[in-house]
Amino acid sequence: MKNTVYDCSFIELPRIEFRAGNITPVYGNINIPFKIRRVFYTYDIPGGEARGAHAHKECHQFLVAAGGSFEVALDDGVNKRTVLLNRPFYGLHIPPGIWASEQGFSSGSVCLVLASTLYDENEYIRDYDEFKAFRKQFEKQ
């Protein structure tokens, strides 16, 4: 897995502005670089709690702060980077092989996640040492 934290990119989504409120449409393979196979969101996260803390073997994810704000800590086994999501028309593309966790949630925040795969527990790497071993196997390629 050659992806690094620098391959995680912000993508500005379209905004259709109305006096009564805005709309942001999202299309897979158009606004974001993959076909959307799954959508979920997290909310009511207690202060001080973190979410995520895992990597994916093949799944791409796109995170949006649909409400409020939060940080995403990214780790490729060598480099670390933390980014802030705080606008509902910007999202963060996280390619496979990146350890990510969401933290520092503001009150009432909602994290919307668009994923390239259906849920499969075997696709997750939830142990950091396993993640490091997973990354290491690609160093020789």
C-alpha atoms as a PDB file:
ATOM      1  CA  MET A   1       0.000   0.000   0.000  1.00  0.00           C
ATOM      2  CA  LYS A   2       1.829   3.061  -1.237  1.00  0.00           C
ATOM      3  CA  ASN A   3      -0.739   5.644  -0.108  1.00  0.00           C
ATOM      4  CA  THR A   4       0.566   8.208   2.371  1.00  0.00           C
ATOM      5  CA  VAL A   5      -1.145  10.810   4.524  1.00  0.00           C
ATOM      6  CA  TYR A   6      -0.368  13.271   1.715  1.00  0.00           C
ATOM      7  CA  ASP A   7      -2.649  11.270  -0.609  1.00  0.00           C
ATOM      8  CA  CYS A   8      -5.566  12.154   1.687  1.00  0.00           C
ATOM      9  CA  SER A   9      -7.094  15.149  -0.029  1.00  0.00           C
ATOM     10  CA  PHE A  10      -9.698  17.792   0.579  1.00  0.00           C
ATOM     11  CA  ILE A  11     -12.378  18.022  -2.076  1.00  0.00           C
ATOM     12  CA  GLU A  12     -14.703  20.984  -2.367  1.00  0.00           C
ATOM     13  CA  LEU A  13     -18.247  19.897  -3.149  1.00  0.00           C
ATOM     14  CA  PRO A  14     -20.726  21.917  -5.202  1.00  0.00           C
ATOM     15  CA  ARG A  15     -23.028  24.321  -3.393  1.00  0.00           C
ATOM     16  CA  ILE A  16     -26.387  25.317  -4.721  1.00  0.00           C
ATOM     17  CA  GLU A  17     -27.286  28.423  -2.776  1.00  0.00           C
ATOM     18  CA  PHE A  18     -30.849  29.440  -2.011  1.00  0.00           C
ATOM     19  CA  ARG A  19     -32.184  32.143   0.255  1.00  0.00           C
ATOM     20  CA  ALA A  20     -33.951  29.390   2.229  1.00  0.00           C
ATOM     21  CA  GLY A  21     -30.772  27.304   2.635  1.00  0.00           C
ATOM     22  CA  ASN A  22     -28.120  25.526   0.605  1.00  0.00           C
ATOM     23  CA  ILE A  23     -27.930  22.085  -1.007  1.00  0.00           C
ATOM     24  CA  THR A  24     -24.785  20.088  -1.708  1.00  0.00           C
ATOM     25  CA  PRO A  25     -25.231  17.141  -4.081  1.00  0.00           C
ATOM     26  CA  VAL A  26     -22.592  14.387  -4.105  1.00  0.00           C
ATOM     27  CA  TYR A  27     -22.087  11.980  -6.994  1.00  0.00           C
ATOM     28  CA  GLY A  28     -19.692   9.033  -6.886  1.00  0.00           C
ATOM     29  CA  ASN A  29     -17.043   9.041  -9.628  1.00  0.00           C
ATOM     30  CA  ILE A  30     -17.924  12.689 -10.322  1.00  0.00           C
ATOM     31  CA  ASN A  31     -17.464  14.753  -7.129  1.00  0.00           C
ATOM     32  CA  ILE A  32     -15.469  12.062  -5.345  1.00  0.00           C
ATOM     33  CA  PRO A  33     -12.996   9.594  -6.882  1.00  0.00           C
ATOM     34  CA  PHE A  34     -14.927   6.365  -6.307  1.00  0.00           C
ATOM     35  CA  LYS A  35     -18.321   4.730  -6.654  1.00  0.00           C
ATOM     36  CA  ILE A  36     -20.357   5.080  -3.445  1.00  0.00           C
ATOM     37  CA  ARG A  37     -21.434   1.680  -2.090  1.00  0.00           C
ATOM     38  CA  ARG A  38     -22.265   2.622   1.513  1.00  0.00           C
ATOM     39  CA  VAL A  39     -23.291   5.718   3.470  1.00  0.00           C
ATOM     40  CA  PHE A  40     -23.359   6.116   7.241  1.00  0.00           C
ATOM     41  CA  TYR A  41     -22.986   8.867   9.795  1.00  0.00           C
ATOM     42  CA  THR A  42     -21.943   9.225  13.418  1.00  0.00           C
ATOM     43  CA  TYR A  43     -23.538  11.652  15.847  1.00  0.00           C
ATOM     44  CA  ASP A  44     -24.220  12.236  19.564  1.00  0.00           C
ATOM     45  CA  ILE A  45     -20.543  11.624  20.271  1.00  0.00           C
ATOM     46  CA  PRO A  46     -19.772  12.481  23.912  1.00  0.00           C
ATOM     47  CA  GLY A  47     -17.167  15.156  24.584  1.00  0.00           C
ATOM     48  CA  GLY A  48     -13.639  13.783  24.653  1.00  0.00           C
ATOM     49  CA  GLU A  49     -14.518  10.610  22.725  1.00  0.00           C
ATOM     50  CA  ALA A  50     -12.805   9.540  19.514  1.00  0.00           C
ATOM     51  CA  ARG A  51     -14.145   7.423  16.658  1.00  0.00           C
ATOM     52  CA  GLY A  52     -12.488   5.362  13.967  1.00  0.00           C
ATOM     53  CA  ALA A  53      -8.950   4.344  14.988  1.00  0.00           C
ATOM     54  CA  HIS A  54      -8.628   1.824  12.166  1.00  0.00           C
ATOM     55  CA  ALA A  55      -7.510   1.418   8.575  1.00  0.00           C
ATOM     56  CA  HIS A  56      -9.066  -0.231   5.550  1.00  0.00           C
ATOM     57  CA  LYS A  57      -7.391  -2.713   3.238  1.00  0.00           C
ATOM     58  CA  GLU A  58      -9.296  -1.695   0.093  1.00  0.00           C
ATOM     59  CA  CYS A  59     -12.071   0.733   1.029  1.00  0.00           C
ATOM     60  CA  HIS A  60     -11.897   4.415   0.127  1.00  0.00           C
ATOM     61  CA  GLN A  61     -13.748   6.767   2.465  1.00  0.00           C
ATOM     62  CA  PHE A  62     -14.931  10.340   2.114  1.00  0.00           C
ATOM     63  CA  LEU A  63     -15.672  12.189   5.363  1.00  0.00           C
ATOM     64  CA  VAL A  64     -17.759  15.344   5.676  1.00  0.00           C
ATOM     65  CA  ALA A  65     -18.569  17.399   8.762  1.00  0.00           C
ATOM     66  CA  ALA A  66     -22.283  17.562   7.904  1.00  0.00           C
ATOM     67  CA  GLY A  67     -22.768  19.495  11.129  1.00  0.00           C
ATOM     68  CA  GLY A  68     -20.291  20.990  13.567  1.00  0.00           C
ATOM     69  CA  SER A  69     -16.608  20.165  13.358  1.00  0.00           C
ATOM     70  CA  PHE A  70     -14.023  17.515  14.194  1.00  0.00           C
ATOM     71  CA  GLU A  71     -10.420  16.625  13.471  1.00  0.00           C
ATOM     72  CA  VAL A  72      -9.162  13.609  11.553  1.00  0.00           C
ATOM     73  CA  ALA A  73      -5.806  12.186  12.655  1.00  0.00           C
ATOM     74  CA  LEU A  74      -4.137  10.421   9.720  1.00  0.00           C
ATOM     75  CA  ASP A  75      -1.201   8.006   9.922  1.00  0.00           C
ATOM     76  CA  ASP A  76       0.538   6.018   7.173  1.00  0.00           C
ATOM     77  CA  GLY A  77       2.943   4.236   9.514  1.00  0.00           C
ATOM     78  CA  VAL A  78       5.673   6.843   8.926  1.00  0.00           C
ATOM     79  CA  ASN A  79       3.992  10.238   8.575  1.00  0.00           C
ATOM     80  CA  LYS A  80       1.224  11.708  10.705  1.00  0.00           C
ATOM     81  CA  ARG A  81      -1.083  14.561   9.837  1.00  0.00           C
ATOM     82  CA  THR A  82      -4.158  16.041  11.528  1.00  0.00           C
ATOM     83  CA  VAL A  83      -6.769  17.966   9.570  1.00  0.00           C
ATOM     84  CA  LEU A  84      -9.899  19.872  10.572  1.00  0.00           C
ATOM     85  CA  LEU A  85     -13.280  19.316   8.947  1.00  0.00           C
ATOM     86  CA  ASN A  86     -15.702  22.146   9.704  1.00  0.00           C
ATOM     87  CA  ARG A  87     -17.641  22.994   6.529  1.00  0.00           C
ATOM     88  CA  PRO A  88     -20.400  20.819   5.027  1.00  0.00           C
ATOM     89  CA  PHE A  89     -19.254  21.512   1.460  1.00  0.00           C
ATOM     90  CA  TYR A  90     -15.702  20.199   1.976  1.00  0.00           C
ATOM     91  CA  GLY A  91     -14.823  16.559   2.476  1.00  0.00           C
ATOM     92  CA  LEU A  92     -11.719  14.495   3.068  1.00  0.00           C
ATOM     93  CA  HIS A  93     -10.876  11.564   0.786  1.00  0.00           C
ATOM     94  CA  ILE A  94      -9.034   8.821   2.685  1.00  0.00           C
ATOM     95  CA  PRO A  95      -7.635   6.100   0.399  1.00  0.00           C
ATOM     96  CA  PRO A  96      -7.011   2.532   1.619  1.00  0.00           C
ATOM     97  CA  GLY A  97      -4.088   1.781   3.910  1.00  0.00           C
ATOM     98  CA  ILE A  98      -4.319   4.920   6.051  1.00  0.00           C
ATOM     99  CA  TRP A  99      -4.929   4.706   9.804  1.00  0.00           C
ATOM    100  CA  ALA A 100      -7.551   7.331  10.644  1.00  0.00           C
ATOM    101  CA  SER A 101      -9.386   8.447  13.742  1.00  0.00           C
ATOM    102  CA  GLU A 102     -11.852  11.229  14.299  1.00  0.00           C
ATOM    103  CA  GLN A 103     -11.498  13.335  17.453  1.00  0.00           C
ATOM    104  CA  GLY A 104     -12.281  16.706  18.991  1.00  0.00           C
ATOM    105  CA  PHE A 105     -15.952  16.672  18.047  1.00  0.00           C
ATOM    106  CA  SER A 106     -17.847  19.890  18.624  1.00  0.00           C
ATOM    107  CA  SER A 107     -21.242  19.743  20.293  1.00  0.00           C
ATOM    108  CA  GLY A 108     -23.905  18.476  17.899  1.00  0.00           C
ATOM    109  CA  SER A 109     -21.427  17.429  15.233  1.00  0.00           C
ATOM    110  CA  VAL A 110     -22.316  14.896  12.546  1.00  0.00           C
ATOM    111  CA  CYS A 111     -19.691  12.957  10.590  1.00  0.00           C
ATOM    112  CA  LEU A 112     -21.044  11.775   7.238  1.00  0.00           C
ATOM    113  CA  VAL A 113     -19.060   8.924   5.648  1.00  0.00           C
ATOM    114  CA  LEU A 114     -19.305   7.774   2.032  1.00  0.00           C
ATOM    115  CA  ALA A 115     -17.530   4.459   1.414  1.00  0.00           C
ATOM    116  CA  SER A 116     -16.469   2.546  -1.686  1.00  0.00           C
ATOM    117  CA  THR A 117     -17.318  -0.898  -0.260  1.00  0.00           C
ATOM    118  CA  LEU A 118     -20.136  -2.571   1.595  1.00  0.00           C
ATOM    119  CA  TYR A 119     -19.478  -3.336   5.257  1.00  0.00           C
ATOM    120  CA  ASP A 120     -17.091  -6.271   5.733  1.00  0.00           C
ATOM    121  CA  GLU A 121     -15.396  -6.668   9.104  1.00  0.00           C
ATOM    122  CA  ASN A 122     -12.505  -8.542   7.444  1.00  0.00           C
ATOM    123  CA  GLU A 123     -11.717  -5.395   5.449  1.00  0.00           C
ATOM    124  CA  TYR A 124     -10.876  -3.446   8.626  1.00  0.00           C
ATOM    125  CA  ILE A 125      -7.523  -3.322  10.399  1.00  0.00           C
ATOM    126  CA  ARG A 126      -8.314  -2.417  14.006  1.00  0.00           C
ATOM    127  CA  ASP A 127      -4.977  -3.273  15.656  1.00  0.00           C
ATOM    128  CA  TYR A 128      -2.167  -0.758  15.126  1.00  0.00           C
ATOM    129  CA  ASP A 129       0.574  -3.420  15.118  1.00  0.00           C
ATOM    130  CA  GLU A 130      -1.352  -5.327  12.414  1.00  0.00           C
ATOM    131  CA  PHE A 131      -1.609  -2.061  10.492  1.00  0.00           C
ATOM    132  CA  LYS A 132       2.177  -1.566  10.656  1.00  0.00           C
ATOM    133  CA  ALA A 133       2.702  -5.154   9.409  1.00  0.00           C
ATOM    134  CA  PHE A 134       0.173  -4.575   6.611  1.00  0.00           C
ATOM    135  CA  ARG A 135       2.038  -1.458   5.498  1.00  0.00           C
ATOM    136  CA  LYS A 136       5.442  -3.149   5.759  1.00  0.00           C
ATOM    137  CA  GLN A 137       4.485  -5.901   3.299  1.00  0.00           C
ATOM    138  CA  PHE A 138       4.237  -3.253   0.550  1.00  0.00           C
ATOM    139  CA  GLU A 139       7.616  -1.625   1.215  1.00  0.00           C
ATOM    140  CA  LYS A 140       9.439  -4.194  -0.928  1.00  0.00           C
ATOM    141  CA  GLN A 141       7.192  -3.650  -3.944  1.00  0.00           C
END
